[in-house]
Amino acid sequence: FQAGHASVSKGIFSRLIESSYGIEAGLPSGLTLVQTDAAINPGSSGGALISKCGLIGINSAISTSNALSGLPREEGIGYAISAETIKSV
């Protein structure tokens, strides 16, 4: 491993968290998150979450003990802002 070189992680897309659910969890209105178990680590925010069909979202957060109310607080869970949300902005 050398700093600055690209890396790829493999994972499973678990679910979409829609803004109607997110409002209760303290998420901004109109935001849709993609939940995944792909390795998302500090520093990888802003990276693409891609499937065989193309862009799914942009990596943005990992689950921690400080996660927003209503979101799972489990090790190995990551969140990406959905491509549809990004396109709408």
N, C-alpha and C. Protein backbone atom coordinates (compact mmCIF):
# COMPACT_ATOMS: atom_id res chain seq x y z
N PHE A 1 0.84 -1.19 0.00
CA PHE A 1 0.00 0.00 0.00
C PHE A 1 0.87 1.23 0.00
N GLN A 2 0.55 2.17 -0.88
CA GLN A 2 1.24 3.45 -0.90
C GLN A 2 0.20 4.56 -0.84
N ALA A 3 0.45 5.55 -0.02
CA ALA A 3 -0.47 6.68 0.10
C ALA A 3 -0.69 7.32 -1.26
N GLY A 4 -1.93 7.69 -1.53
CA GLY A 4 -2.26 8.38 -2.76
C GLY A 4 -2.68 7.48 -3.90
N HIS A 5 -2.56 6.17 -3.75
CA HIS A 5 -2.98 5.25 -4.79
C HIS A 5 -4.44 4.85 -4.59
N ALA A 6 -5.10 4.60 -5.69
CA ALA A 6 -6.52 4.23 -5.65
C ALA A 6 -6.70 2.85 -5.05
N SER A 7 -7.85 2.65 -4.42
CA SER A 7 -8.21 1.33 -3.90
C SER A 7 -9.68 1.08 -4.18
N VAL A 8 -10.05 -0.19 -4.16
CA VAL A 8 -11.44 -0.58 -4.42
C VAL A 8 -11.89 -1.50 -3.31
N SER A 9 -13.13 -1.30 -2.83
CA SER A 9 -13.74 -2.18 -1.83
C SER A 9 -15.00 -2.78 -2.42
N LYS A 10 -15.33 -3.98 -1.99
CA LYS A 10 -16.52 -4.66 -2.47
C LYS A 10 -17.52 -4.75 -1.31
N GLY A 11 -18.81 -4.61 -1.63
CA GLY A 11 -19.82 -4.69 -0.59
C GLY A 11 -21.20 -4.91 -1.16
N ILE A 12 -22.17 -4.86 -0.29
CA ILE A 12 -23.57 -5.09 -0.65
C ILE A 12 -24.38 -3.84 -0.37
N PHE A 13 -25.20 -3.45 -1.35
CA PHE A 13 -26.17 -2.38 -1.18
C PHE A 13 -27.32 -2.95 -0.36
N SER A 14 -27.61 -2.34 0.79
CA SER A 14 -28.61 -2.89 1.70
C SER A 14 -29.99 -2.28 1.55
N ARG A 15 -30.05 -0.96 1.53
CA ARG A 15 -31.36 -0.30 1.44
C ARG A 15 -31.20 1.19 1.15
N LEU A 16 -32.32 1.81 0.80
CA LEU A 16 -32.39 3.26 0.66
C LEU A 16 -33.08 3.82 1.89
N ILE A 17 -32.57 4.92 2.39
CA ILE A 17 -33.21 5.62 3.50
C ILE A 17 -33.75 6.92 2.91
N GLU A 18 -35.05 6.98 2.76
CA GLU A 18 -35.71 8.13 2.12
C GLU A 18 -35.85 9.29 3.10
N SER A 19 -36.02 10.49 2.56
CA SER A 19 -36.10 11.69 3.38
C SER A 19 -37.26 11.66 4.37
N SER A 20 -38.36 10.99 4.03
CA SER A 20 -39.49 10.94 4.96
C SER A 20 -39.09 10.21 6.24
N TYR A 21 -38.24 9.19 6.11
CA TYR A 21 -37.70 8.49 7.28
C TYR A 21 -36.61 9.34 7.91
N GLY A 22 -35.80 9.98 7.05
CA GLY A 22 -34.67 10.76 7.51
C GLY A 22 -35.04 11.96 8.34
N ILE A 23 -36.17 12.59 8.03
CA ILE A 23 -36.59 13.76 8.79
C ILE A 23 -36.68 13.41 10.27
N GLU A 24 -37.21 12.21 10.56
CA GLU A 24 -37.31 11.77 11.95
C GLU A 24 -35.92 11.53 12.54
N ALA A 25 -34.95 11.18 11.68
CA ALA A 25 -33.60 10.89 12.16
C ALA A 25 -32.73 12.14 12.19
N GLY A 26 -33.28 13.28 11.83
CA GLY A 26 -32.51 14.52 11.83
C GLY A 26 -31.76 14.77 10.54
N LEU A 27 -32.11 14.06 9.47
CA LEU A 27 -31.47 14.28 8.18
C LEU A 27 -32.15 15.41 7.43
N PRO A 28 -31.42 16.11 6.57
CA PRO A 28 -32.03 17.18 5.78
C PRO A 28 -33.16 16.66 4.90
N SER A 29 -34.16 17.47 4.68
CA SER A 29 -35.28 17.13 3.82
C SER A 29 -34.80 16.92 2.39
N GLY A 30 -35.36 15.94 1.70
CA GLY A 30 -35.03 15.68 0.30
C GLY A 30 -33.77 14.86 0.10
N LEU A 31 -33.21 14.34 1.17
CA LEU A 31 -31.99 13.55 1.08
C LEU A 31 -32.33 12.06 1.08
N THR A 32 -31.71 11.33 0.18
CA THR A 32 -31.85 9.87 0.16
C THR A 32 -30.46 9.28 0.32
N LEU A 33 -30.31 8.40 1.31
CA LEU A 33 -29.04 7.73 1.57
C LEU A 33 -29.10 6.30 1.09
N VAL A 34 -27.97 5.79 0.66
CA VAL A 34 -27.80 4.39 0.30
C VAL A 34 -27.01 3.74 1.42
N GLN A 35 -27.54 2.67 2.00
CA GLN A 35 -26.83 1.95 3.06
C GLN A 35 -26.06 0.80 2.43
N THR A 36 -24.80 0.62 2.84
CA THR A 36 -23.94 -0.41 2.28
C THR A 36 -23.00 -0.97 3.34
N ASP A 37 -22.50 -2.18 3.09
CA ASP A 37 -21.48 -2.72 3.98
C ASP A 37 -20.09 -2.62 3.33
N ALA A 38 -19.99 -1.95 2.18
CA ALA A 38 -18.69 -1.70 1.56
C ALA A 38 -17.84 -0.87 2.53
N ALA A 39 -16.56 -1.14 2.57
CA ALA A 39 -15.67 -0.45 3.50
C ALA A 39 -15.59 1.04 3.17
N ILE A 40 -16.14 1.85 4.05
CA ILE A 40 -16.02 3.31 3.96
C ILE A 40 -15.29 3.74 5.23
N ASN A 41 -14.16 4.36 5.04
CA ASN A 41 -13.32 4.74 6.17
C ASN A 41 -13.13 6.25 6.19
N PRO A 42 -12.70 6.80 7.34
CA PRO A 42 -12.41 8.22 7.36
C PRO A 42 -11.43 8.55 6.24
N GLY A 43 -11.75 9.56 5.47
CA GLY A 43 -10.91 9.95 4.35
C GLY A 43 -11.44 9.48 3.01
N SER A 44 -12.40 8.55 3.01
CA SER A 44 -12.94 8.09 1.73
C SER A 44 -14.26 8.78 1.36
N SER A 45 -14.69 9.72 2.17
CA SER A 45 -15.88 10.50 1.81
C SER A 45 -15.63 11.21 0.50
N GLY A 46 -16.65 11.24 -0.33
CA GLY A 46 -16.53 11.87 -1.64
C GLY A 46 -16.21 10.89 -2.74
N GLY A 47 -15.87 9.66 -2.37
CA GLY A 47 -15.59 8.63 -3.37
C GLY A 47 -16.89 8.05 -3.91
N ALA A 48 -16.82 7.48 -5.09
CA ALA A 48 -18.00 6.93 -5.75
C ALA A 48 -18.37 5.56 -5.20
N LEU A 49 -19.68 5.32 -5.06
CA LEU A 49 -20.22 3.99 -4.77
C LEU A 49 -20.84 3.52 -6.08
N ILE A 50 -20.24 2.50 -6.70
CA ILE A 50 -20.59 2.10 -8.06
C ILE A 50 -21.07 0.66 -8.09
N SER A 51 -22.09 0.40 -8.92
CA SER A 51 -22.55 -0.97 -9.18
C SER A 51 -22.19 -1.31 -10.62
N LYS A 52 -22.56 -2.50 -11.05
CA LYS A 52 -22.34 -2.90 -12.44
C LYS A 52 -23.10 -2.00 -13.40
N CYS A 53 -24.15 -1.34 -12.91
CA CYS A 53 -24.98 -0.48 -13.75
C CYS A 53 -24.54 0.98 -13.73
N GLY A 54 -23.60 1.34 -12.89
CA GLY A 54 -23.13 2.72 -12.84
C GLY A 54 -23.13 3.28 -11.43
N LEU A 55 -23.09 4.61 -11.35
CA LEU A 55 -23.00 5.31 -10.08
C LEU A 55 -24.27 5.12 -9.25
N ILE A 56 -24.09 4.72 -7.98
CA ILE A 56 -25.20 4.60 -7.04
C ILE A 56 -25.23 5.81 -6.13
N GLY A 57 -24.05 6.27 -5.70
CA GLY A 57 -24.00 7.40 -4.79
C GLY A 57 -22.57 7.83 -4.50
N ILE A 58 -22.46 8.81 -3.60
CA ILE A 58 -21.17 9.33 -3.17
C ILE A 58 -21.01 9.04 -1.67
N ASN A 59 -19.95 8.31 -1.32
CA ASN A 59 -19.70 7.93 0.07
C ASN A 59 -19.67 9.17 0.95
N SER A 60 -20.39 9.09 2.08
CA SER A 60 -20.48 10.29 2.91
C SER A 60 -20.38 10.05 4.40
N ALA A 61 -20.66 8.84 4.90
CA ALA A 61 -20.66 8.65 6.35
C ALA A 61 -20.52 7.18 6.70
N ILE A 62 -20.08 6.93 7.93
CA ILE A 62 -20.06 5.58 8.48
C ILE A 62 -20.85 5.57 9.78
N SER A 63 -21.34 4.42 10.15
CA SER A 63 -22.09 4.28 11.38
C SER A 63 -21.14 4.32 12.58
N THR A 64 -21.50 5.11 13.57
CA THR A 64 -20.72 5.21 14.80
C THR A 64 -21.68 5.26 15.98
N SER A 65 -21.13 5.28 17.17
CA SER A 65 -21.99 5.40 18.36
C SER A 65 -22.68 6.75 18.40
N ASN A 66 -22.20 7.72 17.59
CA ASN A 66 -22.80 9.05 17.55
C ASN A 66 -23.75 9.21 16.36
N ALA A 67 -24.17 8.11 15.74
CA ALA A 67 -25.05 8.17 14.57
C ALA A 67 -26.35 8.88 14.93
N LEU A 68 -26.96 9.47 13.91
CA LEU A 68 -28.22 10.18 14.11
C LEU A 68 -29.31 9.24 14.58
N SER A 69 -30.21 9.74 15.35
CA SER A 69 -31.34 8.96 15.86
C SER A 69 -32.08 8.30 14.71
N GLY A 70 -32.37 7.02 14.83
CA GLY A 70 -33.12 6.31 13.80
C GLY A 70 -32.25 5.57 12.81
N LEU A 71 -30.95 5.89 12.74
CA LEU A 71 -30.05 5.16 11.85
C LEU A 71 -29.34 4.07 12.64
N PRO A 72 -29.05 2.94 12.00
CA PRO A 72 -28.36 1.86 12.71
C PRO A 72 -27.01 2.31 13.25
N ARG A 73 -26.65 1.82 14.42
CA ARG A 73 -25.35 2.12 15.02
C ARG A 73 -24.57 0.82 15.07
N GLU A 74 -24.12 0.37 13.90
CA GLU A 74 -23.44 -0.91 13.81
C GLU A 74 -22.13 -0.75 13.08
N GLU A 75 -21.13 -1.48 13.52
CA GLU A 75 -19.83 -1.48 12.86
C GLU A 75 -19.95 -2.00 11.44
N GLY A 76 -19.27 -1.37 10.51
CA GLY A 76 -19.24 -1.86 9.14
C GLY A 76 -20.38 -1.38 8.26
N ILE A 77 -21.19 -0.45 8.74
CA ILE A 77 -22.28 0.09 7.93
C ILE A 77 -21.85 1.48 7.45
N GLY A 78 -22.01 1.71 6.14
CA GLY A 78 -21.66 2.99 5.55
C GLY A 78 -22.85 3.58 4.82
N TYR A 79 -22.78 4.86 4.56
CA TYR A 79 -23.86 5.56 3.87
C TYR A 79 -23.29 6.42 2.75
N ALA A 80 -24.03 6.46 1.66
CA ALA A 80 -23.66 7.30 0.52
C ALA A 80 -24.88 8.14 0.18
N ILE A 81 -24.65 9.37 -0.25
CA ILE A 81 -25.75 10.20 -0.76
C ILE A 81 -26.10 9.63 -2.12
N SER A 82 -27.37 9.33 -2.34
CA SER A 82 -27.78 8.66 -3.57
C SER A 82 -27.51 9.51 -4.80
N ALA A 83 -27.25 8.83 -5.92
CA ALA A 83 -27.01 9.51 -7.20
C ALA A 83 -28.22 10.34 -7.59
N GLU A 84 -29.43 9.87 -7.29
CA GLU A 84 -30.64 10.62 -7.62
C GLU A 84 -30.70 11.93 -6.84
N THR A 85 -30.30 11.92 -5.57
CA THR A 85 -30.26 13.15 -4.78
C THR A 85 -29.23 14.11 -5.38
N ILE A 86 -28.08 13.59 -5.74
CA ILE A 86 -27.02 14.43 -6.30
C ILE A 86 -27.48 15.04 -7.62
N LYS A 87 -28.12 14.24 -8.48
CA LYS A 87 -28.61 14.75 -9.77
C LYS A 87 -29.63 15.86 -9.57
N SER A 88 -30.48 15.74 -8.55
CA SER A 88 -31.52 16.74 -8.33
C SER A 88 -30.95 18.06 -7.84
N VAL A 89 -29.80 18.02 -7.19
CA VAL A 89 -29.16 19.24 -6.71
C VAL A 89 -28.44 19.90 -7.85
